[in-house]
Amino acid sequence: MAGGRGTRFWPRSRKRNSKQVLRFFGDRTLIQQTADRLKPAIPAENLWVITNESLQDEIRQQLPEIPKEQVIAEPAQRNTSPCIGLAAHIFHEMDTEAVMGVFPADHLIQKEARFRTFVKAAFRAAEANEVVVLGIQPRRAETGYGYVEFPKNALAGRIDPQRVTSFREKPDARTAKRFVERGNFYWNSGMFFWRAAAVLELMRRHQPKAATLLSGLPPFGTRRFKLKLAEVYPLCENISIDYAIAEKAGNVAGIAMDDIGWNDVGSWDAVYELADKDAHGNASRGELIAQESRGNFVDAAKTVALVGVENLVIVETPDALLVANRAQAQDVSKLVKALEAKGREELL
């Protein structure tokens, strides 16, 4: 899934150059890294990308090993449920026994071999008609993620799936602390595995309007398919797969992963946390001269000099400059909404 805009990474992330096609760590973009770590387990010809029209050509260029027709553009943003339903419809049309995995295109996973161990186990379970979610062992009482509740004796790193007790929405700080202390709550990774037929059945049960709209699509690859998709896809409910299906399925199995070096790279502060730093905790993607300054992150093409400042995010592009407190890095997306309200399309 690669349809998001990455608004928390403005001003680098724009409609036509969004987070998933940017380089934050090393020489490969986030979506290239996603494909790279999956290819030892899934042949490139079996990888599909669902993105938006602004990014489709860029992703096709960045991932030439994936057939072009398998990089599909959504006609409108409708969250993850219609996206996954569309993929399931196409796969089931091609192969009624198809098994699919769902992967966000903008996460960082540093322990790739360990991660693939869990991916392979999840595919095996999905082939046996399980609906599987991967749970990420929490490192802190995080309020920004949903949680998956496992049985009380759940152990991190078990390869065999365990029955999920419940899905929990993003909690307040007190509830998140309790979840982590209990030890059987894991972050919801957003990575699901199931037979395409199972997804379609769950959609017919819990998202009947979207299921009906998608089932009426002409054969994939035809001109009529694209025209009809543009007509019906915007009519699908804008809803995540968690709320639409997973929480209602009732028979979801989970794999409680141990440390895979996962980070959702959700804000500039997350990039700072993962970056190399100097003796005073400053990180920079360009030349930085810092005096009496600590804990800053700088991403700029020119030399940046800091004097007496702490915990700032400074990001420069040719047409914009962001200066923010690292503790409020999540709020950068509010700037994008303000720019939209002002009609500043050239900055979006």
Protein backbone atom coordinates (compact mmCIF):
# COMPACT_ATOMS: atom_id res chain seq x y z
CA MET A 1 0.00 0.00 0.00
CA ALA A 2 1.59 3.25 -1.18
CA GLY A 3 -1.20 5.76 -1.53
CA GLY A 4 -0.54 8.09 1.40
CA ARG A 5 0.69 11.66 1.15
CA GLY A 6 3.08 11.69 4.11
CA THR A 7 1.98 15.16 5.20
CA ARG A 8 4.03 14.99 8.42
CA PHE A 9 7.13 15.14 6.21
CA TRP A 10 6.34 18.44 4.56
CA PRO A 11 8.10 20.28 2.97
CA ARG A 12 10.00 17.35 1.43
CA SER A 13 6.91 15.19 1.07
CA ARG A 14 4.54 16.53 -1.60
CA LYS A 15 1.72 15.05 -3.69
CA ARG A 16 4.12 14.11 -6.50
CA ASN A 17 7.08 13.26 -4.29
CA SER A 18 5.57 11.71 -1.19
CA LYS A 19 7.18 10.03 1.82
CA GLN A 20 7.28 6.51 0.38
CA VAL A 21 9.36 7.54 -2.66
CA LEU A 22 11.86 9.60 -0.63
CA ARG A 23 15.26 8.58 0.72
CA PHE A 24 15.61 8.89 4.47
CA PHE A 25 18.09 6.09 5.22
CA GLY A 26 20.75 5.08 2.72
CA ASP A 27 20.51 5.15 -1.06
CA ARG A 28 17.13 3.44 -1.41
CA THR A 29 13.72 5.02 -0.94
CA LEU A 30 11.25 3.63 1.59
CA ILE A 31 9.22 1.82 -1.09
CA GLN A 32 12.39 0.40 -2.66
CA GLN A 33 13.46 -0.89 0.76
CA THR A 34 10.03 -2.45 1.22
CA ALA A 35 10.31 -4.31 -2.09
CA ASP A 36 13.94 -5.27 -1.40
CA ARG A 37 13.15 -7.00 1.90
CA LEU A 38 10.14 -8.84 0.46
CA LYS A 39 11.78 -10.17 -2.72
CA PRO A 40 13.67 -13.04 -1.01
CA ALA A 41 10.27 -14.36 0.12
CA ILE A 42 8.02 -13.15 -2.71
CA PRO A 43 9.12 -13.05 -6.38
CA ALA A 44 9.06 -9.56 -7.89
CA GLU A 45 6.48 -10.70 -10.44
CA ASN A 46 4.12 -11.40 -7.52
CA LEU A 47 4.51 -7.94 -5.98
CA TRP A 48 1.75 -5.41 -6.55
CA VAL A 49 1.59 -1.75 -5.54
CA ILE A 50 -1.56 0.30 -5.06
CA THR A 51 -0.75 4.00 -5.01
CA ASN A 52 -2.24 7.24 -6.32
CA GLU A 53 -2.12 8.87 -9.74
CA SER A 54 0.48 11.43 -8.64
CA LEU A 55 3.00 8.74 -7.64
CA GLN A 56 2.26 5.97 -10.14
CA ASP A 57 4.90 6.90 -12.72
CA GLU A 58 7.56 7.60 -10.08
CA ILE A 59 6.99 4.22 -8.41
CA ARG A 60 7.13 2.43 -11.76
CA GLN A 61 10.52 4.06 -12.36
CA GLN A 62 11.80 3.22 -8.88
CA LEU A 63 10.63 -0.42 -9.07
CA PRO A 64 11.34 -1.50 -12.67
CA GLU A 65 11.40 -5.16 -11.60
CA ILE A 66 7.65 -5.06 -10.91
CA PRO A 67 5.49 -5.27 -14.07
CA LYS A 68 4.08 -1.83 -14.83
CA GLU A 69 0.48 -3.01 -14.89
CA GLN A 70 0.93 -4.17 -11.29
CA VAL A 71 1.45 -0.62 -10.06
CA ILE A 72 -2.16 0.54 -9.85
CA ALA A 73 -3.41 4.06 -9.13
CA GLU A 74 -6.47 4.60 -6.96
CA PRO A 75 -8.83 7.15 -8.54
CA ALA A 76 -9.44 8.61 -5.05
CA GLN A 77 -8.07 8.16 -1.54
CA ARG A 78 -10.39 5.86 0.38
CA ASN A 79 -8.16 4.50 3.17
CA THR A 80 -7.00 0.89 3.38
CA SER A 81 -10.22 -1.15 3.20
CA PRO A 82 -11.18 -0.32 -0.42
CA CYS A 83 -7.48 -0.56 -1.38
CA ILE A 84 -7.20 -4.10 -0.01
CA GLY A 85 -10.63 -5.04 -1.37
CA LEU A 86 -9.56 -3.93 -4.85
CA ALA A 87 -6.38 -6.00 -4.67
CA ALA A 88 -8.32 -9.04 -3.44
CA HIS A 89 -10.80 -8.68 -6.31
CA ILE A 90 -8.02 -8.60 -8.91
CA PHE A 91 -6.13 -11.54 -7.36
CA HIS A 92 -9.26 -13.68 -7.02
CA GLU A 93 -10.14 -12.99 -10.64
CA MET A 94 -6.68 -14.26 -11.63
CA ASP A 95 -6.57 -17.21 -9.22
CA THR A 96 -9.44 -18.29 -6.95
CA GLU A 97 -6.88 -19.86 -4.58
CA ALA A 98 -4.74 -16.72 -4.32
CA VAL A 99 -3.18 -15.87 -0.94
CA MET A 100 -2.18 -12.28 -0.31
CA GLY A 101 -0.12 -10.28 2.18
CA VAL A 102 -0.63 -6.59 2.88
CA PHE A 103 2.40 -4.39 3.54
CA PRO A 104 2.62 -0.62 4.12
CA ALA A 105 5.23 0.85 1.78
CA ASP A 106 6.68 3.41 4.18
CA HIS A 107 7.97 1.45 7.18
CA LEU A 108 11.57 0.76 8.16
CA ILE A 109 12.54 -2.78 9.17
CA GLN A 110 16.20 -3.22 10.00
CA LYS A 111 16.25 -6.96 10.83
CA GLU A 112 14.97 -8.12 7.48
CA ALA A 113 15.83 -11.82 7.68
CA ARG A 114 14.03 -12.16 11.02
CA PHE A 115 11.04 -10.30 9.59
CA ARG A 116 10.83 -12.68 6.62
CA THR A 117 10.65 -15.62 9.03
CA PHE A 118 7.37 -14.22 10.35
CA VAL A 119 6.13 -13.34 6.86
CA LYS A 120 6.62 -16.91 5.65
CA ALA A 121 4.86 -18.29 8.73
CA ALA A 122 1.95 -15.91 8.17
CA PHE A 123 1.59 -16.98 4.54
CA ARG A 124 1.54 -20.65 5.58
CA ALA A 125 -1.24 -19.93 8.05
CA ALA A 126 -3.19 -17.92 5.47
CA GLU A 127 -2.96 -20.82 3.02
CA ALA A 128 -4.71 -22.88 5.72
CA ASN A 129 -7.57 -20.35 5.70
CA GLU A 130 -6.44 -18.28 8.68
CA VAL A 131 -6.76 -14.50 8.78
CA VAL A 132 -3.41 -13.38 10.19
CA VAL A 133 -2.10 -10.10 11.58
CA LEU A 134 1.50 -9.41 12.61
CA GLY A 135 1.89 -7.84 16.05
CA ILE A 136 4.90 -5.69 16.91
CA GLN A 137 6.37 -5.95 20.41
CA PRO A 138 5.85 -2.48 21.98
CA ARG A 139 8.88 -0.54 23.13
CA ARG A 140 6.92 2.14 24.98
CA ALA A 141 3.39 3.16 25.96
CA GLU A 142 2.52 4.56 22.54
CA THR A 143 -0.82 6.35 22.09
CA GLY A 144 -0.48 6.76 18.32
CA TYR A 145 -0.89 3.08 17.39
CA GLY A 146 -3.70 0.58 17.59
CA TYR A 147 -3.07 -2.55 19.69
CA VAL A 148 -3.73 -6.25 19.19
CA GLU A 149 -4.55 -8.25 22.30
CA PHE A 150 -3.01 -11.74 22.40
CA PRO A 151 -3.70 -14.53 24.92
CA LYS A 152 -2.19 -13.92 28.35
CA ASN A 153 0.59 -16.47 27.82
CA ALA A 154 1.65 -15.03 24.45
CA LEU A 155 5.40 -15.01 23.93
CA ALA A 156 7.18 -12.70 21.51
CA GLY A 157 8.89 -14.56 18.69
CA ARG A 158 6.56 -17.58 18.48
CA ILE A 159 6.20 -18.52 14.83
CA ASP A 160 2.86 -20.28 15.22
CA PRO A 161 -0.19 -17.98 15.07
CA GLN A 162 -2.25 -17.48 18.22
CA ARG A 163 -5.90 -16.49 18.39
CA VAL A 164 -6.29 -12.73 18.73
CA THR A 165 -8.47 -11.77 21.68
CA SER A 166 -9.33 -8.25 20.50
CA PHE A 167 -8.28 -5.20 18.53
CA ARG A 168 -7.98 -2.00 20.55
CA GLU A 169 -8.13 1.49 19.11
CA LYS A 170 -5.47 4.10 19.82
CA PRO A 171 -5.53 4.41 23.64
CA ASP A 172 -4.96 7.31 26.00
CA ALA A 173 -1.62 7.42 27.84
CA ARG A 174 -2.91 5.64 30.96
CA THR A 175 -4.45 2.79 28.96
CA ALA A 176 -1.35 2.45 26.76
CA LYS A 177 0.80 2.12 29.90
CA ARG A 178 -1.50 -0.62 31.20
CA PHE A 179 -1.35 -2.46 27.88
CA VAL A 180 2.44 -2.51 27.90
CA GLU A 181 2.61 -3.61 31.53
CA ARG A 182 0.29 -6.55 30.87
CA GLY A 183 2.69 -7.90 28.25
CA ASN A 184 0.16 -9.48 25.90
CA PHE A 185 -0.69 -6.35 23.90
CA TYR A 186 1.22 -5.72 20.68
CA TRP A 187 1.18 -2.82 18.26
CA ASN A 188 -0.95 -3.45 15.19
CA SER A 189 1.52 -3.50 12.29
CA GLY A 190 -1.14 -3.11 9.58
CA MET A 191 0.30 -6.22 7.92
CA PHE A 192 -2.39 -8.82 7.16
CA PHE A 193 -2.36 -12.19 5.40
CA TRP A 194 -5.37 -14.07 4.03
CA ARG A 195 -6.86 -15.76 1.03
CA ALA A 196 -8.27 -13.26 -1.44
CA ALA A 197 -11.55 -15.17 -1.28
CA ALA A 198 -11.64 -14.68 2.49
CA VAL A 199 -11.19 -10.91 2.14
CA LEU A 200 -14.02 -10.72 -0.38
CA GLU A 201 -16.31 -12.75 1.85
CA LEU A 202 -15.55 -10.52 4.83
CA MET A 203 -16.25 -7.45 2.70
CA ARG A 204 -19.57 -8.86 1.52
CA ARG A 205 -20.48 -9.35 5.18
CA HIS A 206 -19.17 -6.11 6.67
CA GLN A 207 -18.72 -3.73 3.72
CA PRO A 208 -21.51 -4.76 1.34
CA LYS A 209 -21.59 -1.51 -0.63
CA ALA A 210 -17.88 -1.59 -1.46
CA ALA A 211 -18.05 -5.32 -2.16
CA THR A 212 -20.87 -4.81 -4.66
CA LEU A 213 -19.11 -1.89 -6.36
CA LEU A 214 -15.83 -3.80 -6.75
CA SER A 215 -17.50 -7.04 -7.85
CA GLY A 216 -19.00 -5.23 -10.85
CA LEU A 217 -15.63 -4.20 -12.29
CA PRO A 218 -14.81 -5.44 -15.82
CA PRO A 219 -11.79 -7.75 -16.28
CA PHE A 220 -8.53 -6.29 -14.99
CA GLY A 221 -6.24 -4.90 -17.68
CA THR A 222 -9.01 -3.77 -19.99
CA ARG A 223 -9.75 -0.12 -20.76
CA ARG A 224 -13.24 -0.64 -19.38
CA PHE A 225 -11.72 -1.67 -16.04
CA LYS A 226 -9.95 1.65 -15.58
CA LEU A 227 -13.00 3.66 -16.63
CA LYS A 228 -15.35 1.74 -14.33
CA LEU A 229 -12.88 1.89 -11.44
CA ALA A 230 -12.77 5.69 -11.73
CA GLU A 231 -16.56 5.70 -11.54
CA VAL A 232 -17.17 3.35 -8.61
CA TYR A 233 -14.08 3.59 -6.40
CA PRO A 234 -14.86 7.09 -5.05
CA LEU A 235 -18.24 5.71 -3.92
CA CYS A 236 -16.58 3.24 -1.52
CA GLU A 237 -16.60 4.14 2.17
CA ASN A 238 -13.45 5.88 3.39
CA ILE A 239 -12.46 3.45 6.15
CA SER A 240 -9.45 1.46 7.35
CA ILE A 241 -9.26 -2.31 7.07
CA ASP A 242 -9.01 -2.53 10.87
CA TYR A 243 -12.38 -0.89 11.52
CA ALA A 244 -14.07 -2.25 8.41
CA ILE A 245 -13.12 -5.92 8.65
CA ALA A 246 -10.39 -7.05 11.05
CA GLU A 247 -12.12 -6.02 14.27
CA LYS A 248 -15.33 -7.70 13.13
CA ALA A 249 -13.90 -10.90 11.68
CA GLY A 250 -13.95 -12.77 14.99
CA ASN A 251 -11.49 -15.44 13.89
CA VAL A 252 -8.24 -13.53 13.47
CA ALA A 253 -4.95 -15.19 14.34
CA GLY A 254 -1.86 -13.20 15.25
CA ILE A 255 1.87 -13.71 15.21
CA ALA A 256 3.58 -11.85 18.06
CA MET A 257 6.88 -10.79 16.55
CA ASP A 258 10.00 -10.15 18.59
CA ASP A 259 12.49 -7.43 17.67
CA ILE A 260 12.59 -6.87 13.89
CA GLY A 261 13.98 -3.33 14.08
CA TRP A 262 10.62 -1.85 13.09
CA ASN A 263 9.81 1.85 12.86
CA ASP A 264 6.84 3.38 11.07
CA VAL A 265 8.88 6.52 10.31
CA GLY A 266 5.88 8.59 11.30
CA SER A 267 7.44 12.03 11.67
CA TRP A 268 10.66 14.01 11.39
CA ASP A 269 11.31 13.16 15.04
CA ALA A 270 11.34 9.45 14.11
CA VAL A 271 13.95 10.17 11.43
CA TYR A 272 15.99 12.04 14.02
CA GLU A 273 15.83 9.13 16.46
CA LEU A 274 17.20 6.76 13.80
CA ALA A 275 19.89 9.10 12.45
CA ASP A 276 23.57 9.23 13.41
CA LYS A 277 24.24 12.03 15.88
CA ASP A 278 27.19 14.07 17.10
CA ALA A 279 28.34 14.28 20.71
CA HIS A 280 25.56 16.78 21.48
CA GLY A 281 22.74 14.78 19.89
CA ASN A 282 22.54 16.80 16.68
CA ALA A 283 21.75 14.98 13.43
CA SER A 284 22.13 16.42 9.95
CA ARG A 285 21.71 15.38 6.33
CA GLY A 286 24.01 18.23 5.22
CA GLU A 287 26.83 20.31 6.64
CA LEU A 288 26.01 21.48 10.15
CA ILE A 289 27.96 23.89 12.35
CA ALA A 290 26.55 23.88 15.87
CA GLN A 291 27.50 25.98 18.87
CA GLU A 292 25.88 25.37 22.26
CA SER A 293 23.09 23.47 20.47
CA ARG A 294 21.65 20.08 21.30
CA GLY A 295 19.17 17.55 20.00
CA ASN A 296 18.51 19.18 16.63
CA PHE A 297 17.70 17.59 13.26
CA VAL A 298 18.67 19.42 10.06
CA ASP A 299 17.89 18.41 6.46
CA ALA A 300 19.20 21.08 4.11
CA ALA A 301 21.26 21.40 0.93
CA LYS A 302 23.20 24.40 2.25
CA THR A 303 25.43 24.76 5.29
CA VAL A 304 23.34 25.37 8.41
CA ALA A 305 24.74 27.09 11.51
CA LEU A 306 23.01 26.75 14.88
CA VAL A 307 23.73 28.82 17.97
CA GLY A 308 22.11 28.19 21.33
CA VAL A 309 19.07 26.18 20.16
CA GLU A 310 17.74 22.81 21.22
CA ASN A 311 15.41 20.11 19.92
CA LEU A 312 14.54 21.72 16.60
CA VAL A 313 13.61 20.19 13.24
CA ILE A 314 14.88 22.28 10.32
CA VAL A 315 14.05 21.11 6.79
CA GLU A 316 14.81 23.12 3.67
CA THR A 317 13.58 22.66 0.10
CA PRO A 318 14.00 25.10 -2.83
CA ASP A 319 10.61 26.71 -2.11
CA ALA A 320 10.02 26.22 1.62
CA LEU A 321 11.67 26.11 5.03
CA LEU A 322 10.30 24.25 8.05
CA VAL A 323 11.36 25.08 11.60
CA ALA A 324 9.58 23.08 14.30
CA ASN A 325 10.03 21.83 17.82
CA ARG A 326 10.88 18.13 17.68
CA ALA A 327 8.27 17.40 20.35
CA GLN A 328 5.60 18.77 17.99
CA ALA A 329 6.84 17.11 14.81
CA GLN A 330 3.53 15.22 14.46
CA ASP A 331 1.78 18.57 14.03
CA VAL A 332 3.53 19.35 10.74
CA SER A 333 0.51 17.80 9.01
CA LYS A 334 -1.56 20.69 10.39
CA LEU A 335 0.58 23.06 8.32
CA VAL A 336 -0.40 21.13 5.19
CA LYS A 337 -4.08 21.53 6.06
CA ALA A 338 -3.50 25.26 6.52
CA LEU A 339 -1.82 25.46 3.11
CA GLU A 340 -4.75 23.57 1.56
CA ALA A 341 -7.17 26.04 3.16
CA LYS A 342 -5.17 28.92 1.64
CA GLY A 343 -5.21 27.28 -1.79
CA ARG A 344 -1.40 27.08 -1.92
CA GLU A 345 -1.36 24.22 -4.42
CA GLU A 346 2.23 25.02 -5.47
CA LEU A 347 3.38 24.03 -1.96
CA LEU A 348 1.39 20.81 -1.80
